[in-house]
Structure formats: structure tokens, C-alpha cells
N, C-alpha and C. Protein backbone atom coordinates (compact mmCIF):
# COMPACT_ATOMS: atom_id res chain seq x y z
N MET A 1 -2.93 7.54 -23.79
CA MET A 1 -2.22 6.50 -23.29
C MET A 1 -2.68 5.67 -22.15
N THR A 2 -2.29 4.14 -22.58
CA THR A 2 -2.97 3.45 -21.74
C THR A 2 -1.50 2.38 -21.45
N ILE A 3 -1.46 2.31 -20.09
CA ILE A 3 -0.36 1.62 -19.59
C ILE A 3 -1.05 0.39 -19.12
N THR A 4 -0.84 -0.95 -19.39
CA THR A 4 -0.67 -2.58 -19.23
C THR A 4 0.50 -2.91 -18.04
N MET A 5 -0.07 -3.23 -16.60
CA MET A 5 0.81 -3.99 -16.10
C MET A 5 0.19 -5.22 -15.74
N THR A 6 1.07 -5.89 -15.30
CA THR A 6 0.84 -7.55 -14.79
C THR A 6 1.40 -7.63 -13.67
N PRO A 7 0.43 -8.01 -12.90
CA PRO A 7 0.60 -8.04 -10.94
C PRO A 7 2.21 -8.93 -11.09
N ILE A 8 2.85 -8.78 -9.97
CA ILE A 8 4.34 -9.38 -9.91
C ILE A 8 3.70 -11.00 -8.70
N GLY A 9 2.46 -10.50 -8.05
CA GLY A 9 1.84 -11.43 -6.99
C GLY A 9 0.87 -11.13 -6.41
N ARG A 10 0.64 -11.50 -5.17
CA ARG A 10 -0.79 -10.88 -4.65
C ARG A 10 -0.41 -11.50 -2.99
N VAL A 11 -1.04 -10.70 -2.41
CA VAL A 11 -1.30 -10.85 -0.82
C VAL A 11 -1.67 -12.01 -0.62
N GLU A 12 -1.12 -12.34 0.33
CA GLU A 12 -1.86 -13.71 0.85
C GLU A 12 -2.26 -13.39 2.43
N GLY A 13 -3.35 -13.72 2.87
CA GLY A 13 -3.36 -13.60 4.39
C GLY A 13 -3.55 -12.18 4.76
N GLY A 14 -3.45 -11.94 6.17
CA GLY A 14 -3.87 -10.76 6.72
C GLY A 14 -5.44 -10.47 7.01
N ARG A 15 -5.56 -9.19 6.59
CA ARG A 15 -7.08 -8.84 6.56
C ARG A 15 -7.90 -9.13 5.47
N ASP A 16 -9.06 -9.57 5.24
CA ASP A 16 -10.03 -9.55 4.12
C ASP A 16 -11.08 -8.53 3.98
N VAL A 17 -10.85 -7.58 4.50
CA VAL A 17 -11.91 -6.69 4.60
C VAL A 17 -11.24 -5.70 4.82
N PRO A 18 -11.59 -4.31 3.59
CA PRO A 18 -10.70 -2.96 3.86
C PRO A 18 -10.98 -2.07 4.77
N GLU A 19 -10.46 -2.24 5.84
CA GLU A 19 -11.38 -1.19 7.05
C GLU A 19 -10.21 0.09 7.28
N ASP A 20 -10.40 0.95 7.98
CA ASP A 20 -9.47 2.17 7.78
C ASP A 20 -8.71 2.37 8.78
N ASP A 21 -8.64 1.75 10.07
CA ASP A 21 -7.82 1.85 10.77
C ASP A 21 -7.18 0.40 11.56
N ASP A 22 -5.99 0.74 12.10
CA ASP A 22 -5.47 -0.53 12.86
C ASP A 22 -4.65 -1.41 11.94
N TRP A 23 -3.98 -1.13 11.23
CA TRP A 23 -2.96 -1.70 10.13
C TRP A 23 -1.59 -2.22 10.69
N GLY A 24 -1.33 -1.84 11.78
CA GLY A 24 0.03 -1.88 12.30
C GLY A 24 0.27 -3.26 12.26
N GLN A 25 -0.40 -3.90 13.17
CA GLN A 25 -0.06 -5.21 13.45
C GLN A 25 -0.56 -6.23 12.59
N SER A 26 -1.07 -6.03 11.34
CA SER A 26 -1.81 -6.95 10.31
C SER A 26 -0.16 -7.33 9.70
N ARG A 27 -0.64 -8.68 9.32
CA ARG A 27 0.60 -9.16 8.96
C ARG A 27 0.06 -10.14 7.73
N ALA A 28 0.82 -10.28 6.66
CA ALA A 28 0.56 -11.23 5.43
C ALA A 28 1.77 -11.23 4.87
N LYS A 29 1.42 -12.02 3.83
CA LYS A 29 2.82 -12.21 2.69
C LYS A 29 2.48 -12.23 1.45
N ILE A 30 3.25 -11.53 0.72
CA ILE A 30 3.10 -11.61 -0.71
C ILE A 30 3.81 -12.66 -1.39
N ALA A 31 2.90 -13.57 -2.23
CA ALA A 31 3.38 -14.77 -3.27
C ALA A 31 4.18 -14.22 -4.23
N LEU A 32 5.09 -14.41 -4.71
CA LEU A 32 5.44 -13.96 -6.24
C LEU A 32 4.79 -14.76 -7.09
N ASP A 33 4.55 -14.55 -8.65
CA ASP A 33 3.85 -15.52 -9.57
C ASP A 33 5.20 -16.42 -9.84
N PRO A 34 5.02 -17.83 -9.35
CA PRO A 34 5.82 -18.68 -9.92
C PRO A 34 5.96 -18.79 -11.37
N ALA A 35 5.26 -18.65 -12.23
CA ALA A 35 4.95 -18.77 -13.74
C ALA A 35 6.22 -17.40 -14.07
N ARG A 36 6.52 -16.54 -13.20
CA ARG A 36 7.45 -15.71 -13.78
C ARG A 36 8.34 -15.43 -12.80
N PHE A 37 8.91 -15.66 -11.95
CA PHE A 37 9.87 -15.51 -10.77
C PHE A 37 10.06 -16.77 -10.39
N THR A 38 11.64 -17.05 -9.79
CA THR A 38 12.23 -17.86 -8.84
C THR A 38 12.69 -16.91 -7.35
N ALA A 39 13.00 -17.65 -6.87
CA ALA A 39 13.36 -17.23 -5.38
C ALA A 39 14.51 -16.16 -5.37
N GLU A 40 15.05 -16.13 -6.70
CA GLU A 40 16.26 -14.93 -6.76
C GLU A 40 15.73 -13.57 -6.58
N ALA A 41 14.38 -13.41 -7.18
CA ALA A 41 13.73 -12.34 -7.22
C ALA A 41 14.00 -11.44 -6.05
N LEU A 42 13.59 -12.53 -5.19
CA LEU A 42 13.54 -11.71 -3.72
C LEU A 42 14.83 -12.03 -2.82
N MET A 43 16.03 -12.28 -3.37
CA MET A 43 16.99 -12.17 -2.95
C MET A 43 17.95 -11.03 -2.45
N GLY A 44 18.35 -11.11 -1.08
CA GLY A 44 18.91 -9.95 -0.40
C GLY A 44 17.59 -8.97 0.12
N LEU A 45 16.56 -9.13 -0.14
CA LEU A 45 15.44 -8.27 0.53
C LEU A 45 15.70 -8.11 1.81
N GLU A 46 16.00 -9.82 2.51
CA GLU A 46 15.69 -9.61 3.91
C GLU A 46 17.12 -8.88 4.37
N THR A 47 17.67 -8.43 3.97
CA THR A 47 19.15 -7.19 4.36
C THR A 47 18.17 -6.03 5.16
N PHE A 48 17.05 -5.63 4.49
CA PHE A 48 16.50 -4.47 4.56
C PHE A 48 15.18 -4.87 5.82
N SER A 49 15.38 -3.36 6.77
CA SER A 49 14.34 -3.60 7.48
C SER A 49 12.85 -3.48 7.08
N HIS A 50 12.54 -2.68 5.82
CA HIS A 50 11.65 -2.22 5.20
C HIS A 50 11.18 -2.34 3.77
N ALA A 51 10.14 -2.50 3.46
CA ALA A 51 10.06 -2.28 1.87
C ALA A 51 9.00 -1.49 1.30
N GLU A 52 9.02 -1.10 0.22
CA GLU A 52 7.56 -0.33 -0.17
C GLU A 52 6.56 -1.18 -0.98
N VAL A 53 5.78 -1.15 -0.94
CA VAL A 53 4.83 -1.99 -1.59
C VAL A 53 3.39 -1.55 -2.55
N ILE A 54 3.54 -1.89 -3.73
CA ILE A 54 2.61 -1.04 -4.85
C ILE A 54 1.65 -1.92 -4.68
N TYR A 55 0.25 -1.68 -4.87
CA TYR A 55 -0.35 -2.86 -4.96
C TYR A 55 -1.71 -1.85 -5.71
N VAL A 56 -2.73 -2.44 -6.43
CA VAL A 56 -4.21 -2.13 -6.53
C VAL A 56 -5.12 -2.66 -6.14
N PHE A 57 -5.94 -1.28 -5.74
CA PHE A 57 -7.64 -1.54 -5.14
C PHE A 57 -8.16 -2.38 -6.07
N ASP A 58 -8.07 -3.59 -6.30
CA ASP A 58 -8.95 -3.78 -6.90
C ASP A 58 -10.36 -3.89 -6.91
N ARG A 59 -10.76 -4.07 -5.69
CA ARG A 59 -12.10 -4.16 -5.27
C ARG A 59 -12.81 -2.85 -5.64
N VAL A 60 -12.16 -1.71 -5.48
CA VAL A 60 -12.68 -0.64 -5.86
C VAL A 60 -13.28 -0.60 -7.31
N THR A 61 -14.63 -0.17 -7.29
CA THR A 61 -15.09 -0.23 -8.81
C THR A 61 -15.54 1.33 -9.52
N ASP A 62 -15.46 1.57 -10.79
CA ASP A 62 -15.89 2.41 -11.76
C ASP A 62 -16.58 3.54 -11.04
N ASP A 63 -17.45 2.98 -10.44
CA ASP A 63 -18.64 3.99 -9.83
C ASP A 63 -18.45 4.40 -8.49
N GLN A 64 -17.23 4.12 -8.05
CA GLN A 64 -16.57 4.59 -6.65
C GLN A 64 -15.20 5.29 -7.11
N ILE A 65 -14.81 5.77 -8.11
CA ILE A 65 -13.92 6.80 -8.37
C ILE A 65 -13.65 7.54 -7.91
N VAL A 66 -12.98 8.72 -7.46
CA VAL A 66 -13.01 9.97 -7.38
C VAL A 66 -11.96 10.53 -7.78
N THR A 67 -12.82 11.75 -9.10
CA THR A 67 -11.32 12.76 -9.45
C THR A 67 -11.38 13.83 -9.08
N GLY A 68 -12.31 14.46 -8.29
CA GLY A 68 -12.28 16.07 -7.73
C GLY A 68 -11.91 15.49 -6.43
N ALA A 69 -12.60 16.74 -5.41
CA ALA A 69 -12.24 17.16 -3.80
C ALA A 69 -13.43 16.27 -3.37
N ARG A 70 -13.10 15.97 -2.05
CA ARG A 70 -14.00 15.40 -1.08
C ARG A 70 -13.63 15.61 0.27
N HIS A 71 -14.31 15.30 1.24
CA HIS A 71 -13.83 15.34 2.73
C HIS A 71 -13.78 13.71 2.96
N PRO A 72 -11.78 13.70 3.44
CA PRO A 72 -11.33 12.55 3.59
C PRO A 72 -12.60 11.51 4.48
N ARG A 73 -12.60 10.30 4.12
CA ARG A 73 -13.27 9.46 5.05
C ARG A 73 -14.59 9.73 5.15
N GLY A 74 -15.11 10.81 4.06
CA GLY A 74 -16.89 11.38 4.20
C GLY A 74 -16.78 12.06 5.62
N ASN A 75 -15.71 12.65 6.25
CA ASN A 75 -15.77 13.34 7.73
C ASN A 75 -16.22 14.95 7.37
N PRO A 76 -17.17 15.51 7.39
CA PRO A 76 -17.28 16.88 6.97
C PRO A 76 -16.65 17.70 8.54
N ALA A 77 -16.16 16.99 8.87
CA ALA A 77 -14.95 17.87 10.18
C ALA A 77 -13.63 18.39 9.68
N TRP A 78 -13.31 17.45 8.53
CA TRP A 78 -12.08 17.75 7.85
C TRP A 78 -12.13 18.18 6.81
N PRO A 79 -11.26 19.27 6.00
CA PRO A 79 -11.81 19.93 4.95
C PRO A 79 -12.02 19.28 3.58
N LYS A 80 -13.06 19.62 2.65
CA LYS A 80 -13.13 19.43 1.41
C LYS A 80 -11.52 19.09 0.79
N ILE A 81 -10.90 18.54 0.24
CA ILE A 81 -9.63 18.38 -0.37
C ILE A 81 -9.84 17.92 -1.76
N GLY A 82 -9.07 17.76 -2.46
CA GLY A 82 -8.78 17.07 -3.83
C GLY A 82 -8.25 15.58 -3.82
N ILE A 83 -8.73 14.44 -4.68
CA ILE A 83 -8.24 12.88 -4.34
C ILE A 83 -6.40 12.84 -4.38
N PHE A 84 -5.89 13.86 -4.96
CA PHE A 84 -4.26 13.83 -5.02
C PHE A 84 -3.83 14.53 -3.66
N ALA A 85 -4.56 15.10 -2.67
CA ALA A 85 -4.07 15.40 -1.73
C ALA A 85 -4.63 14.72 -0.40
N GLN A 86 -5.41 13.49 -0.54
CA GLN A 86 -5.57 12.62 0.16
C GLN A 86 -5.03 10.75 -0.57
N ARG A 87 -4.97 9.98 0.65
CA ARG A 87 -4.17 8.69 -0.14
C ARG A 87 -5.88 7.74 0.46
N GLY A 88 -6.80 8.18 -0.04
CA GLY A 88 -7.81 7.23 -0.34
C GLY A 88 -7.69 6.37 -1.13
N LYS A 89 -8.54 4.87 -1.26
CA LYS A 89 -8.39 3.51 -2.10
C LYS A 89 -9.48 4.43 -3.28
N ASN A 90 -10.32 5.10 -3.59
CA ASN A 90 -11.06 5.52 -4.62
C ASN A 90 -10.27 6.22 -5.53
N ARG A 91 -9.06 6.20 -5.81
CA ARG A 91 -8.11 6.85 -6.85
C ARG A 91 -8.45 6.60 -8.32
N PRO A 92 -8.32 7.76 -9.02
CA PRO A 92 -8.03 7.42 -10.63
C PRO A 92 -7.71 6.14 -11.22
N ASN A 93 -6.56 5.72 -10.51
CA ASN A 93 -5.84 4.83 -10.81
C ASN A 93 -5.65 3.16 -9.77
N ARG A 94 -6.37 3.57 -9.07
CA ARG A 94 -6.44 2.53 -7.78
C ARG A 94 -5.28 1.98 -7.40
N ILE A 95 -4.05 3.03 -7.50
CA ILE A 95 -2.80 2.52 -7.10
C ILE A 95 -2.90 2.84 -5.48
N GLY A 96 -2.35 1.77 -4.56
CA GLY A 96 -1.89 1.89 -3.31
C GLY A 96 -0.51 1.77 -3.03
N VAL A 97 0.41 2.31 -2.14
CA VAL A 97 2.01 1.99 -1.87
C VAL A 97 1.72 2.70 -0.14
N THR A 98 2.43 1.35 0.16
CA THR A 98 2.79 1.23 1.89
C THR A 98 4.24 0.74 1.67
N VAL A 99 4.79 1.24 2.96
CA VAL A 99 6.09 0.81 3.64
C VAL A 99 5.95 0.33 4.62
N CYS A 100 6.43 -1.32 4.84
CA CYS A 100 6.16 -2.44 5.57
C CYS A 100 7.29 -2.64 6.02
N ARG A 101 7.06 -3.37 7.23
CA ARG A 101 8.50 -3.84 8.01
C ARG A 101 8.35 -5.29 7.42
N ILE A 102 10.08 -5.70 6.89
CA ILE A 102 9.89 -7.14 6.47
C ILE A 102 9.83 -7.72 7.43
N VAL A 103 9.24 -8.79 7.76
CA VAL A 103 9.36 -10.18 8.70
C VAL A 103 10.09 -11.12 8.07
N ALA A 104 10.27 -11.52 7.12
CA ALA A 104 10.66 -12.97 6.43
C ALA A 104 10.88 -12.88 4.89
N VAL A 105 11.91 -13.46 4.61
CA VAL A 105 11.70 -13.68 3.11
C VAL A 105 11.73 -15.09 2.90
N ASP A 106 10.87 -16.13 2.15
CA ASP A 106 11.36 -17.19 2.22
C ASP A 106 10.72 -17.63 0.67
N GLY A 107 11.53 -18.17 -0.31
CA GLY A 107 11.07 -18.64 -1.27
C GLY A 107 10.85 -17.46 -2.14
N LEU A 108 9.67 -17.73 -2.76
CA LEU A 108 8.79 -16.50 -3.36
C LEU A 108 8.07 -16.19 -2.75
N HIS A 109 8.08 -15.83 -1.14
CA HIS A 109 7.25 -15.48 -0.43
C HIS A 109 7.59 -14.20 0.64
N LEU A 110 7.15 -13.12 0.39
CA LEU A 110 7.70 -11.63 1.58
C LEU A 110 6.82 -11.64 2.50
N GLU A 111 7.26 -11.87 3.82
CA GLU A 111 6.26 -12.15 5.06
C GLU A 111 6.18 -10.35 5.36
N VAL A 112 5.28 -9.34 5.94
CA VAL A 112 5.42 -8.34 5.92
C VAL A 112 4.35 -7.91 7.33
N GLU A 113 4.60 -6.52 8.07
CA GLU A 113 3.30 -6.62 8.41
C GLU A 113 3.23 -4.82 8.70
N GLY A 114 1.87 -4.40 8.79
CA GLY A 114 1.63 -3.34 8.71
C GLY A 114 1.17 -2.95 6.96
N LEU A 115 1.14 -3.74 6.27
CA LEU A 115 0.71 -3.78 4.75
C LEU A 115 -0.96 -3.32 5.06
N ASP A 116 -1.32 -1.97 4.11
CA ASP A 116 -2.61 -1.89 4.32
C ASP A 116 -3.49 -2.59 3.16
N ALA A 117 -3.08 -3.93 2.60
CA ALA A 117 -3.90 -4.28 1.49
C ALA A 117 -4.43 -5.65 1.95
N ILE A 118 -5.33 -5.91 1.40
CA ILE A 118 -6.51 -6.99 2.11
C ILE A 118 -5.77 -8.28 1.05
N ASP A 119 -6.39 -9.48 1.30
CA ASP A 119 -6.21 -10.82 0.86
C ASP A 119 -6.52 -10.67 -0.09
N GLY A 120 -5.60 -11.52 -1.33
CA GLY A 120 -5.79 -11.24 -2.58
C GLY A 120 -5.92 -10.29 -3.63
N THR A 121 -5.15 -9.22 -2.73
CA THR A 121 -4.73 -7.69 -3.49
C THR A 121 -3.68 -8.04 -4.42
N PRO A 122 -3.60 -7.49 -5.77
CA PRO A 122 -2.74 -7.81 -6.80
C PRO A 122 -1.71 -6.65 -6.23
N VAL A 123 -0.49 -7.27 -6.18
CA VAL A 123 0.83 -6.60 -6.10
C VAL A 123 1.47 -6.40 -7.35
N LEU A 124 2.02 -4.78 -7.73
CA LEU A 124 2.16 -4.73 -8.95
C LEU A 124 4.07 -4.30 -8.70
N ASP A 125 4.36 -4.17 -7.49
CA ASP A 125 6.02 -3.88 -7.55
C ASP A 125 6.63 -4.12 -6.06
N ILE A 126 7.26 -4.46 -5.49
CA ILE A 126 8.28 -4.38 -4.28
C ILE A 126 9.39 -3.56 -4.46
N LYS A 127 9.85 -2.93 -3.39
CA LYS A 127 10.99 -2.12 -3.44
C LYS A 127 11.93 -2.20 -1.98
N PRO A 128 12.81 -1.87 -1.84
CA PRO A 128 13.36 -1.89 -0.68
C PRO A 128 13.52 -0.61 -0.49
N MET A 129 13.40 0.08 1.19
CA MET A 129 13.12 1.44 1.66
C MET A 129 14.63 1.81 2.12
N MET A 130 14.94 2.54 1.28
CA MET A 130 16.22 3.07 1.59
C MET A 130 16.30 4.42 2.09
N ALA A 131 17.17 4.53 3.15
CA ALA A 131 17.13 5.79 3.66
C ALA A 131 17.56 7.02 2.70
N GLY A 132 18.04 6.76 1.67
CA GLY A 132 18.79 7.86 0.59
C GLY A 132 17.24 8.33 -0.32
N PHE A 133 16.25 7.39 0.08
CA PHE A 133 15.00 7.71 -0.93
C PHE A 133 13.71 8.53 0.26
N ALA A 134 14.43 8.60 1.46
CA ALA A 134 13.02 9.22 2.55
C ALA A 134 13.38 10.62 1.99
N PRO A 135 12.30 11.42 2.62
CA PRO A 135 12.09 13.01 2.52
C PRO A 135 13.17 13.47 3.35
N ARG A 136 14.02 14.57 2.41
CA ARG A 136 14.95 14.98 2.53
C ARG A 136 14.60 16.44 3.25
N GLY A 137 14.75 16.68 4.10
CA GLY A 137 14.89 18.26 4.90
C GLY A 137 13.16 18.17 5.33
N GLU A 138 12.75 19.23 6.24
CA GLU A 138 11.46 18.85 6.91
C GLU A 138 10.19 18.98 5.98
N HIS A 139 9.40 18.26 6.56
CA HIS A 139 8.03 17.92 5.79
C HIS A 139 6.71 18.62 6.70
N ARG A 140 5.90 18.83 6.02
CA ARG A 140 4.52 19.66 6.74
C ARG A 140 3.62 18.57 6.18
N GLU A 141 2.31 18.85 7.10
CA GLU A 141 1.29 17.99 6.58
C GLU A 141 0.05 18.92 7.48
N PRO A 142 -0.91 19.17 7.01
CA PRO A 142 -1.94 19.49 8.15
C PRO A 142 -2.49 18.98 9.22
N ASP A 143 -3.11 19.62 9.96
CA ASP A 143 -3.57 19.24 11.35
C ASP A 143 -4.36 17.92 10.84
N TRP A 144 -5.54 17.85 9.80
CA TRP A 144 -6.62 16.73 9.92
C TRP A 144 -5.64 15.39 9.40
N ALA A 145 -4.46 15.30 8.71
CA ALA A 145 -4.17 14.64 8.37
C ALA A 145 -3.05 13.52 9.47
N ARG A 146 -2.66 14.17 10.35
CA ARG A 146 -2.31 13.70 11.57
C ARG A 146 -3.06 13.30 12.29
N GLU A 147 -4.48 13.93 12.42
CA GLU A 147 -5.97 13.21 13.21
C GLU A 147 -6.18 11.75 12.44
N ILE A 148 -5.66 12.10 11.00
CA ILE A 148 -6.72 10.41 10.55
C ILE A 148 -5.68 9.36 10.88
N MET A 149 -4.26 9.91 11.19
CA MET A 149 -3.28 8.87 11.07
C MET A 149 -2.94 8.26 12.42
N ALA A 150 -3.64 9.10 13.81
CA ALA A 150 -3.69 8.59 14.81
C ALA A 150 -4.26 6.88 14.94
N THR A 151 -4.66 6.65 14.41
CA THR A 151 -5.14 5.37 14.47
C THR A 151 -5.21 4.30 13.47
N TYR A 152 -4.86 4.99 12.61
CA TYR A 152 -4.51 4.03 11.22
C TYR A 152 -3.89 2.41 11.47
N TRP A 153 -2.32 3.36 11.95
CA TRP A 153 -1.14 2.27 12.58
C TRP A 153 -1.52 1.71 13.72
């Protein structure tokens, strides 16, 4: 089965290089495609504090895709784990998801903080972050995952 998606817009501004850390203060805008949307598409989003942004790691080439196991960030101090047990950009479908703080909504533009996507990145969808969709109950993660995130934001 093949699924075809058309981006709803693109990231404007923020970083232009995909680095691993310090994304917390990064600000960018998501510009919706004016041929497909009007300002009504973002109406009401400003009443939420955060949004989930779904995007494509479009600069990852076919030869960079990982389908098996690897050490996160190539660090041998961390365990070798499968691609679906980590959040690296070299994923089979190149899909990224980030929860960002909403800074402003202006017409066809959504300004966010903490989006770990670079300038020009195609955006597939935007969803408001609702507490009802947050994890229920306790969650767990291995020590390496907490360590890798220590300087990410």
C-alpha cells in the first residue's frame, strides 16, 4: 500500500541546520498553503497553549534510512535499539512529531516555540494538544532516553 500526502504548509525561519540539541528556545512559523487554506483553518488554535506538529524529515535521503537497530546518535555508550524504540530522523517514513508552545496565530501563520524542524520543512498536520490525549497513568523510559533529552530542549 502506498499513501500519498500533500503538505499543509512549511516551516519558515527558526534553524536552518538539523542539530541534536537546544531546540527549546527555537522559534519558527508554520505558513499554511494559501492555495488550500484560509485563516479559518487556524481559527481557535490560539486558545490552546500547545500544538502537535507533524512534519517530514525531507532532507533525509534514501541511503540514510535505518530500518533495524542502531545506537542512538551513534553513541556506543547507549544501547543498540530498534529504530522504532527511538525518535531519530532517519526513520523509514521520515515522519517527525513535536509538541510545541503556541506563541501566536496570525492569518495563515502559526508561530511556535520548541519545534525541532528546520526552515523549509514540509508540515503534514497541526493538532491542538489536549490534556485528554496526554498519557494516562505512569510512564517509563530507560536511563539513556532521559540522558539524551537532558540538553535537547
